[in-house]
Amino acid sequence: HSDPVTAVSFNHDGTLIVSCAMDGLIRIWDA
């Protein structure tokens, strides 16, 4: 992100990560 990251977690099978930040974006990552 381009701002502090405020939350991160995995999905139920651990294949994805979700993050959000003060930049207002939510991103989904391949773990």
PDB file of all heavy atoms in Angstrom:
ATOM      1  N   HIS A   1       0.832  -1.200   0.000  1.00  0.00           N
ATOM      2  CA  HIS A   1       0.000   0.000   0.000  1.00  0.00           C
ATOM      3  C   HIS A   1       0.867   1.249   0.000  1.00  0.00           C
ATOM      4  O   HIS A   1       2.078   1.183   0.148  1.00  0.00           O
ATOM      5  CB  HIS A   1      -0.927  -0.018   1.230  1.00  0.00           C
ATOM      6  CG  HIS A   1      -1.966  -1.104   1.176  1.00  0.00           C
ATOM      7  ND1 HIS A   1      -3.187  -0.953   0.559  1.00  0.00           N
ATOM      8  CD2 HIS A   1      -1.949  -2.362   1.675  1.00  0.00           C
ATOM      9  CE1 HIS A   1      -3.881  -2.076   0.677  1.00  0.00           C
ATOM     10  NE2 HIS A   1      -3.158  -2.947   1.345  1.00  0.00           N
ATOM     11  N   SER A   2       0.213   2.386  -0.158  1.00  0.00           N
ATOM     12  CA  SER A   2       0.932   3.669  -0.140  1.00  0.00           C
ATOM     13  C   SER A   2       0.641   4.417   1.152  1.00  0.00           C
ATOM     14  O   SER A   2       0.864   5.614   1.243  1.00  0.00           O
ATOM     15  CB  SER A   2       0.522   4.511  -1.349  1.00  0.00           C
ATOM     16  OG  SER A   2      -0.882   4.674  -1.360  1.00  0.00           O
ATOM     17  N   ASP A   3       0.136   3.693   2.142  1.00  0.00           N
ATOM     18  CA  ASP A   3      -0.179   4.243   3.460  1.00  0.00           C
ATOM     19  C   ASP A   3      -0.100   3.099   4.465  1.00  0.00           C
ATOM     20  O   ASP A   3      -0.044   1.933   4.077  1.00  0.00           O
ATOM     21  CB  ASP A   3      -1.602   4.832   3.470  1.00  0.00           C
ATOM     22  CG  ASP A   3      -1.622   6.313   3.100  1.00  0.00           C
ATOM     23  OD1 ASP A   3      -0.821   7.069   3.684  1.00  0.00           O
ATOM     24  OD2 ASP A   3      -2.424   6.704   2.239  1.00  0.00           O
ATOM     25  N   PRO A   4      -0.137   3.407   5.769  1.00  0.00           N
ATOM     26  CA  PRO A   4      -0.090   2.330   6.767  1.00  0.00           C
ATOM     27  C   PRO A   4      -1.154   1.261   6.537  1.00  0.00           C
ATOM     28  O   PRO A   4      -2.302   1.563   6.199  1.00  0.00           O
ATOM     29  CB  PRO A   4      -0.323   3.078   8.082  1.00  0.00           C
ATOM     30  CG  PRO A   4       0.279   4.421   7.843  1.00  0.00           C
ATOM     31  CD  PRO A   4      -0.045   4.733   6.404  1.00  0.00           C
ATOM     32  N   VAL A   5      -0.726   0.007   6.727  1.00  0.00           N
ATOM     33  CA  VAL A   5      -1.620  -1.149   6.566  1.00  0.00           C
ATOM     34  C   VAL A   5      -2.364  -1.359   7.885  1.00  0.00           C
ATOM     35  O   VAL A   5      -1.742  -1.474   8.935  1.00  0.00           O
ATOM     36  CB  VAL A   5      -0.805  -2.403   6.189  1.00  0.00           C
ATOM     37  CG1 VAL A   5      -1.716  -3.626   6.062  1.00  0.00           C
ATOM     38  CG2 VAL A   5      -0.024  -2.165   4.893  1.00  0.00           C
ATOM     39  N   THR A   6      -3.700  -1.406   7.818  1.00  0.00           N
ATOM     40  CA  THR A   6      -4.506  -1.439   9.047  1.00  0.00           C
ATOM     41  C   THR A   6      -5.062  -2.822   9.368  1.00  0.00           C
ATOM     42  O   THR A   6      -5.441  -3.071  10.507  1.00  0.00           O
ATOM     43  CB  THR A   6      -5.660  -0.435   8.946  1.00  0.00           C
ATOM     44  OG1 THR A   6      -6.391  -0.674   7.738  1.00  0.00           O
ATOM     45  CG2 THR A   6      -5.140   0.996   8.925  1.00  0.00           C
ATOM     46  N   ALA A   7      -5.130  -3.724   8.399  1.00  0.00           N
ATOM     47  CA  ALA A   7      -5.611  -5.084   8.678  1.00  0.00           C
ATOM     48  C   ALA A   7      -5.072  -6.052   7.642  1.00  0.00           C
ATOM     49  O   ALA A   7      -4.921  -5.700   6.467  1.00  0.00           O
ATOM     50  CB  ALA A   7      -7.139  -5.134   8.701  1.00  0.00           C
ATOM     51  N   VAL A   8      -4.794  -7.277   8.098  1.00  0.00           N
ATOM     52  CA  VAL A   8      -4.361  -8.362   7.201  1.00  0.00           C
ATOM     53  C   VAL A   8      -4.921  -9.675   7.727  1.00  0.00           C
ATOM     54  O   VAL A   8      -4.951  -9.897   8.931  1.00  0.00           O
ATOM     55  CB  VAL A   8      -2.826  -8.519   7.126  1.00  0.00           C
ATOM     56  CG1 VAL A   8      -2.193  -7.465   6.246  1.00  0.00           C
ATOM     57  CG2 VAL A   8      -2.194  -8.527   8.511  1.00  0.00           C
ATOM     58  N   SER A   9      -5.363 -10.538   6.831  1.00  0.00           N
ATOM     59  CA  SER A   9      -5.736 -11.889   7.271  1.00  0.00           C
ATOM     60  C   SER A   9      -5.789 -12.846   6.091  1.00  0.00           C
ATOM     61  O   SER A   9      -5.838 -12.427   4.937  1.00  0.00           O
ATOM     62  CB  SER A   9      -7.063 -11.894   8.037  1.00  0.00           C
ATOM     63  OG  SER A   9      -8.102 -11.427   7.224  1.00  0.00           O
ATOM     64  N   PHE A  10      -5.788 -14.134   6.417  1.00  0.00           N
ATOM     65  CA  PHE A  10      -5.894 -15.195   5.418  1.00  0.00           C
ATOM     66  C   PHE A  10      -7.355 -15.590   5.242  1.00  0.00           C
ATOM     67  O   PHE A  10      -8.170 -15.386   6.140  1.00  0.00           O
ATOM     68  CB  PHE A  10      -5.120 -16.437   5.878  1.00  0.00           C
ATOM     69  CG  PHE A  10      -3.631 -16.316   5.790  1.00  0.00           C
ATOM     70  CD1 PHE A  10      -2.895 -15.828   6.867  1.00  0.00           C
ATOM     71  CD2 PHE A  10      -2.944 -16.710   4.647  1.00  0.00           C
ATOM     72  CE1 PHE A  10      -1.517 -15.736   6.806  1.00  0.00           C
ATOM     73  CE2 PHE A  10      -1.566 -16.615   4.568  1.00  0.00           C
ATOM     74  CZ  PHE A  10      -0.844 -16.130   5.651  1.00  0.00           C
ATOM     75  N   ASN A  11      -7.656 -16.212   4.096  1.00  0.00           N
ATOM     76  CA  ASN A  11      -8.981 -16.837   3.934  1.00  0.00           C
ATOM     77  C   ASN A  11      -8.969 -18.209   4.604  1.00  0.00           C
ATOM     78  O   ASN A  11      -7.961 -18.626   5.171  1.00  0.00           O
ATOM     79  CB  ASN A  11      -9.368 -16.911   2.451  1.00  0.00           C
ATOM     80  CG  ASN A  11      -8.473 -17.843   1.660  1.00  0.00           C
ATOM     81  OD1 ASN A  11      -7.344 -18.141   2.052  1.00  0.00           O
ATOM     82  ND2 ASN A  11      -8.959 -18.301   0.521  1.00  0.00           N
ATOM     83  N   HIS A  12     -10.106 -18.928   4.528  1.00  0.00           N
ATOM     84  CA  HIS A  12     -10.273 -20.133   5.344  1.00  0.00           C
ATOM     85  C   HIS A  12      -9.357 -21.286   4.938  1.00  0.00           C
ATOM     86  O   HIS A  12      -9.105 -22.176   5.751  1.00  0.00           O
ATOM     87  CB  HIS A  12     -11.739 -20.601   5.342  1.00  0.00           C
ATOM     88  CG  HIS A  12     -12.164 -21.301   4.098  1.00  0.00           C
ATOM     89  ND1 HIS A  12     -12.369 -20.628   2.916  1.00  0.00           N
ATOM     90  CD2 HIS A  12     -12.400 -22.610   3.833  1.00  0.00           C
ATOM     91  CE1 HIS A  12     -12.729 -21.499   1.980  1.00  0.00           C
ATOM     92  NE2 HIS A  12     -12.749 -22.704   2.509  1.00  0.00           N
ATOM     93  N   ASP A  13      -8.850 -21.300   3.710  1.00  0.00           N
ATOM     94  CA  ASP A  13      -7.927 -22.388   3.341  1.00  0.00           C
ATOM     95  C   ASP A  13      -6.481 -21.909   3.188  1.00  0.00           C
ATOM     96  O   ASP A  13      -5.604 -22.689   2.810  1.00  0.00           O
ATOM     97  CB  ASP A  13      -8.415 -23.119   2.080  1.00  0.00           C
ATOM     98  CG  ASP A  13      -8.398 -22.236   0.840  1.00  0.00           C
ATOM     99  OD1 ASP A  13      -7.961 -21.059   0.915  1.00  0.00           O
ATOM    100  OD2 ASP A  13      -8.841 -22.717  -0.226  1.00  0.00           O
ATOM    101  N   GLY A  14      -6.242 -20.643   3.498  1.00  0.00           N
ATOM    102  CA  GLY A  14      -4.872 -20.135   3.514  1.00  0.00           C
ATOM    103  C   GLY A  14      -4.277 -19.801   2.169  1.00  0.00           C
ATOM    104  O   GLY A  14      -3.091 -19.494   2.083  1.00  0.00           O
ATOM    105  N   THR A  15      -5.093 -19.831   1.107  1.00  0.00           N
ATOM    106  CA  THR A  15      -4.559 -19.556  -0.232  1.00  0.00           C
ATOM    107  C   THR A  15      -4.513 -18.062  -0.559  1.00  0.00           C
ATOM    108  O   THR A  15      -3.752 -17.646  -1.433  1.00  0.00           O
ATOM    109  CB  THR A  15      -5.404 -20.264  -1.310  1.00  0.00           C
ATOM    110  OG1 THR A  15      -6.769 -19.862  -1.157  1.00  0.00           O
ATOM    111  CG2 THR A  15      -5.288 -21.780  -1.179  1.00  0.00           C
ATOM    112  N   LEU A  16      -5.328 -17.269   0.143  1.00  0.00           N
ATOM    113  CA  LEU A  16      -5.403 -15.839  -0.138  1.00  0.00           C
ATOM    114  C   LEU A  16      -5.130 -15.020   1.114  1.00  0.00           C
ATOM    115  O   LEU A  16      -5.387 -15.465   2.239  1.00  0.00           O
ATOM    116  CB  LEU A  16      -6.801 -15.451  -0.652  1.00  0.00           C
ATOM    117  CG  LEU A  16      -7.308 -16.115  -1.926  1.00  0.00           C
ATOM    118  CD1 LEU A  16      -8.740 -15.682  -2.210  1.00  0.00           C
ATOM    119  CD2 LEU A  16      -6.404 -15.791  -3.111  1.00  0.00           C
ATOM    120  N   ILE A  17      -4.609 -13.822   0.894  1.00  0.00           N
ATOM    121  CA  ILE A  17      -4.433 -12.839   1.972  1.00  0.00           C
ATOM    122  C   ILE A  17      -5.218 -11.598   1.561  1.00  0.00           C
ATOM    123  O   ILE A  17      -5.188 -11.192   0.395  1.00  0.00           O
ATOM    124  CB  ILE A  17      -2.943 -12.473   2.153  1.00  0.00           C
ATOM    125  CG1 ILE A  17      -2.154 -13.669   2.682  1.00  0.00           C
ATOM    126  CG2 ILE A  17      -2.768 -11.257   3.072  1.00  0.00           C
ATOM    127  CD1 ILE A  17      -0.640 -13.490   2.614  1.00  0.00           C
ATOM    128  N   VAL A  18      -5.927 -11.009   2.513  1.00  0.00           N
ATOM    129  CA  VAL A  18      -6.577  -9.724   2.245  1.00  0.00           C
ATOM    130  C   VAL A  18      -5.908  -8.673   3.118  1.00  0.00           C
ATOM    131  O   VAL A  18      -5.541  -8.946   4.272  1.00  0.00           O
ATOM    132  CB  VAL A  18      -8.103  -9.780   2.495  1.00  0.00           C
ATOM    133  CG1 VAL A  18      -8.435 -10.054   3.961  1.00  0.00           C
ATOM    134  CG2 VAL A  18      -8.787  -8.501   2.014  1.00  0.00           C
ATOM    135  N   SER A  19      -5.711  -7.484   2.562  1.00  0.00           N
ATOM    136  CA  SER A  19      -5.130  -6.385   3.340  1.00  0.00           C
ATOM    137  C   SER A  19      -5.903  -5.112   3.040  1.00  0.00           C
ATOM    138  O   SER A  19      -6.523  -4.980   1.980  1.00  0.00           O
ATOM    139  CB  SER A  19      -3.642  -6.183   2.991  1.00  0.00           C
ATOM    140  OG  SER A  19      -3.497  -5.747   1.649  1.00  0.00           O
ATOM    141  N   CYS A  20      -5.872  -4.183   3.987  1.00  0.00           N
ATOM    142  CA  CYS A  20      -6.444  -2.866   3.730  1.00  0.00           C
ATOM    143  C   CYS A  20      -5.567  -1.831   4.403  1.00  0.00           C
ATOM    144  O   CYS A  20      -4.744  -2.154   5.265  1.00  0.00           O
ATOM    145  CB  CYS A  20      -7.889  -2.762   4.204  1.00  0.00           C
ATOM    146  SG  CYS A  20      -8.089  -2.783   5.991  1.00  0.00           S
ATOM    147  N   ALA A  21      -5.753  -0.572   3.998  1.00  0.00           N
ATOM    148  CA  ALA A  21      -4.840   0.459   4.475  1.00  0.00           C
ATOM    149  C   ALA A  21      -5.517   1.821   4.530  1.00  0.00           C
ATOM    150  O   ALA A  21      -6.659   1.998   4.099  1.00  0.00           O
ATOM    151  CB  ALA A  21      -3.611   0.523   3.565  1.00  0.00           C
ATOM    152  N   MET A  22      -4.766   2.756   5.061  1.00  0.00           N
ATOM    153  CA  MET A  22      -5.260   4.124   5.144  1.00  0.00           C
ATOM    154  C   MET A  22      -5.366   4.780   3.772  1.00  0.00           C
ATOM    155  O   MET A  22      -5.929   5.860   3.654  1.00  0.00           O
ATOM    156  CB  MET A  22      -4.360   4.946   6.079  1.00  0.00           C
ATOM    157  CG  MET A  22      -4.487   4.494   7.525  1.00  0.00           C
ATOM    158  SD  MET A  22      -3.550   5.534   8.647  1.00  0.00           S
ATOM    159  CE  MET A  22      -3.891   4.702  10.212  1.00  0.00           C
ATOM    160  N   ASP A  23      -4.826   4.127   2.732  1.00  0.00           N
ATOM    161  CA  ASP A  23      -4.996   4.640   1.376  1.00  0.00           C
ATOM    162  C   ASP A  23      -6.392   4.304   0.830  1.00  0.00           C
ATOM    163  O   ASP A  23      -6.737   4.675  -0.287  1.00  0.00           O
ATOM    164  CB  ASP A  23      -3.912   4.115   0.424  1.00  0.00           C
ATOM    165  CG  ASP A  23      -3.857   2.591   0.342  1.00  0.00           C
ATOM    166  OD1 ASP A  23      -4.797   1.921   0.833  1.00  0.00           O
ATOM    167  OD2 ASP A  23      -2.882   2.067  -0.215  1.00  0.00           O
ATOM    168  N   GLY A  24      -7.187   3.588   1.622  1.00  0.00           N
ATOM    169  CA  GLY A  24      -8.559   3.273   1.222  1.00  0.00           C
ATOM    170  C   GLY A  24      -8.685   2.055   0.335  1.00  0.00           C
ATOM    171  O   GLY A  24      -9.793   1.690  -0.056  1.00  0.00           O
ATOM    172  N   LEU A  25      -7.557   1.417   0.016  1.00  0.00           N
ATOM    173  CA  LEU A  25      -7.607   0.263  -0.883  1.00  0.00           C
ATOM    174  C   LEU A  25      -7.701  -1.037  -0.105  1.00  0.00           C
ATOM    175  O   LEU A  25      -7.144  -1.168   0.984  1.00  0.00           O
ATOM    176  CB  LEU A  25      -6.353   0.204  -1.765  1.00  0.00           C
ATOM    177  CG  LEU A  25      -6.045   1.424  -2.625  1.00  0.00           C
ATOM    178  CD1 LEU A  25      -4.814   1.148  -3.489  1.00  0.00           C
ATOM    179  CD2 LEU A  25      -7.231   1.787  -3.508  1.00  0.00           C
ATOM    180  N   ILE A  26      -8.417  -1.994  -0.697  1.00  0.00           N
ATOM    181  CA  ILE A  26      -8.419  -3.368  -0.207  1.00  0.00           C
ATOM    182  C   ILE A  26      -7.722  -4.191  -1.292  1.00  0.00           C
ATOM    183  O   ILE A  26      -8.070  -4.080  -2.467  1.00  0.00           O
ATOM    184  CB  ILE A  26      -9.855  -3.884  -0.003  1.00  0.00           C
ATOM    185  CG1 ILE A  26     -10.581  -3.046   1.052  1.00  0.00           C
ATOM    186  CG2 ILE A  26      -9.851  -5.367   0.369  1.00  0.00           C
ATOM    187  CD1 ILE A  26     -12.083  -3.271   1.073  1.00  0.00           C
ATOM    188  N   ARG A  27      -6.742  -4.988  -0.880  1.00  0.00           N
ATOM    189  CA  ARG A  27      -6.033  -5.804  -1.868  1.00  0.00           C
ATOM    190  C   ARG A  27      -6.104  -7.274  -1.479  1.00  0.00           C
ATOM    191  O   ARG A  27      -6.046  -7.613  -0.296  1.00  0.00           O
ATOM    192  CB  ARG A  27      -4.573  -5.370  -1.983  1.00  0.00           C
ATOM    193  CG  ARG A  27      -4.378  -3.987  -2.598  1.00  0.00           C
ATOM    194  CD  ARG A  27      -2.918  -3.795  -2.953  1.00  0.00           C
ATOM    195  NE  ARG A  27      -2.561  -2.425  -3.241  1.00  0.00           N
ATOM    196  CZ  ARG A  27      -2.623  -1.853  -4.435  1.00  0.00           C
ATOM    197  NH1 ARG A  27      -3.059  -2.553  -5.472  1.00  0.00           N
ATOM    198  NH2 ARG A  27      -2.258  -0.601  -4.609  1.00  0.00           N
ATOM    199  N   ILE A  28      -6.218  -8.107  -2.511  1.00  0.00           N
ATOM    200  CA  ILE A  28      -6.219  -9.554  -2.309  1.00  0.00           C
ATOM    201  C   ILE A  28      -4.977 -10.130  -2.965  1.00  0.00           C
ATOM    202  O   ILE A  28      -4.667  -9.818  -4.115  1.00  0.00           O
ATOM    203  CB  ILE A  28      -7.509 -10.178  -2.871  1.00  0.00           C
ATOM    204  CG1 ILE A  28      -8.683  -9.654  -2.046  1.00  0.00           C
ATOM    205  CG2 ILE A  28      -7.454 -11.700  -2.804  1.00  0.00           C
ATOM    206  CD1 ILE A  28     -10.009  -9.857  -2.661  1.00  0.00           C
ATOM    207  N   TRP A  29      -4.264 -10.950  -2.203  1.00  0.00           N
ATOM    208  CA  TRP A  29      -2.965 -11.478  -2.612  1.00  0.00           C
ATOM    209  C   TRP A  29      -3.009 -12.993  -2.686  1.00  0.00           C
ATOM    210  O   TRP A  29      -3.680 -13.637  -1.884  1.00  0.00           O
ATOM    211  CB  TRP A  29      -1.885 -11.078  -1.595  1.00  0.00           C
ATOM    212  CG  TRP A  29      -1.871  -9.622  -1.258  1.00  0.00           C
ATOM    213  CD1 TRP A  29      -2.656  -8.981  -0.340  1.00  0.00           C
ATOM    214  CD2 TRP A  29      -1.036  -8.614  -1.844  1.00  0.00           C
ATOM    215  NE1 TRP A  29      -2.356  -7.640  -0.319  1.00  0.00           N
ATOM    216  CE2 TRP A  29      -1.371  -7.386  -1.224  1.00  0.00           C
ATOM    217  CE3 TRP A  29      -0.038  -8.645  -2.824  1.00  0.00           C
ATOM    218  CZ2 TRP A  29      -0.742  -6.188  -1.568  1.00  0.00           C
ATOM    219  CZ3 TRP A  29       0.583  -7.458  -3.154  1.00  0.00           C
ATOM    220  CH2 TRP A  29       0.234  -6.236  -2.528  1.00  0.00           C
ATOM    221  N   ASP A  30      -2.251 -13.545  -3.604  1.00  0.00           N
ATOM    222  CA  ASP A  30      -2.001 -14.975  -3.632  1.00  0.00           C
ATOM    223  C   ASP A  30      -0.957 -15.272  -2.555  1.00  0.00           C
ATOM    224  O   ASP A  30       0.163 -14.764  -2.617  1.00  0.00           O
ATOM    225  CB  ASP A  30      -1.476 -15.375  -5.022  1.00  0.00           C
ATOM    226  CG  ASP A  30      -1.256 -16.870  -5.136  1.00  0.00           C
ATOM    227  OD1 ASP A  30      -0.332 -17.377  -4.472  1.00  0.00           O
ATOM    228  OD2 ASP A  30      -1.993 -17.530  -5.874  1.00  0.00           O
ATOM    229  N   ALA A  31      -1.325 -16.074  -1.567  1.00  0.00           N
ATOM    230  CA  ALA A  31      -0.439 -16.290  -0.418  1.00  0.00           C
ATOM    231  C   ALA A  31       0.856 -16.991  -0.827  1.00  0.00           C
ATOM    232  O   ALA A  31       1.917 -16.747  -0.248  1.00  0.00           O
ATOM    233  CB  ALA A  31      -1.163 -17.105   0.657  1.00  0.00           C
TER     234      ALA A  31
END
